[in-house]
Amino acid sequence: MLPSLLPRLTAVLDQLAPAHEIILVDDGSPDASWSVITAAAHADKRIRGIRLMRNFGQPNALLVGIRSARYRYIVTLDDDLQNPPEEIARLVERLTDDVDVVYGTPEAEQHSLWRSAASRITKYALEEAMGAPVARSVSSFRLFRTNVRQAFERFQSPDMHLDVLLTWATTRFAAVSVRHEPRLEGKSNYTFGRLVHHALNMITGFSQRPLRIASMIGFVFTIFGGVVIIAVVARYLIAGDSVPGFPFLASIVAIFSGVQLLILGIMGEYLARMHVRLMERPTYVVVETTEDEHRRP
């Protein structure tokens, strides 16, 4: 898609901001993308390429590009042309003095039914993690001021979500409707299962709500258990016999056991994330850039 993307993107940026740069991050692609990037960078010095040592995932690839940016504003754009570069102008128009981040929300998403359902689940999780109503309008097509990255310049974790990190710096979000076109080549790697997994990672990695829900469930069932015990003792003191029915007691035990395992599982998720972050695994590893190519004799 790069030969189709770059001429359109360059034409748009030449009109909007002649002083610009295009940063292309090769996230361990198995094809000849890097050779296309290096050729484009040699032809136009405003194009910069960064190649990662392996596939670190789209969020981390975005992060390395954002940290490398040198101008006042940053636009993040996928290379599949589903978000036309011509729509960047609409984001720029919406970036007023009281706004730091502008999302390009698709007027009509060109996704399958399952992909759309998974996207909604992800946005619900994102709304909880961000704590901002604009989460429903979030997309990978966004414009923001470069200085907001100061809030997460020291962030180091393999589990990263850019939109949550942006809330660490600002609450001034906006959204504008943009065209969303069908994918011309290839297919998205974000399947239903991956998006749901991404949503679970997001809500346990950037929100305390699951722990609070677990505490509330434990509290409710503790009250319920106390009421059952009081009923059993009262029946014994008044009627002189115990509550009949082993299935009833077995059900109560099963319910309590299930709740305990659920709460332990949620706590385990948080402990696992703490363990991963303490290992200080790299968010990404850059193997080379097109600027390295320029410096070679």
Foldseek 3Di string as FASTA:
>chain_A
DVVVQVVQLQVLCCVVPVPAAAEAEAQADPDPVVVVQLVVCVVPVRYKYFYFPHHLDDQLSVVVVLVPGDDFKDWFDDPQCQFPSNCVVVQVVPPDPQAFKEAAAEPDAPDDPLLVVLVVLLLVLVCQLQVAPCSVRHDRTMMGTSVLCVQCPVPFASLDDVVSSSSSRDRRYYYDYGHGHDGDDDDDPCGNVNSNVNSVCRNLVRHCVVLVVLVVVVVVLVVVVVVVVVVQVVCCVPVVDGDDDPVVVVVNVVVVVVSVVSNVVSVVSNVVRVVRVVVRDGNTGTPDMSVVVVPDD
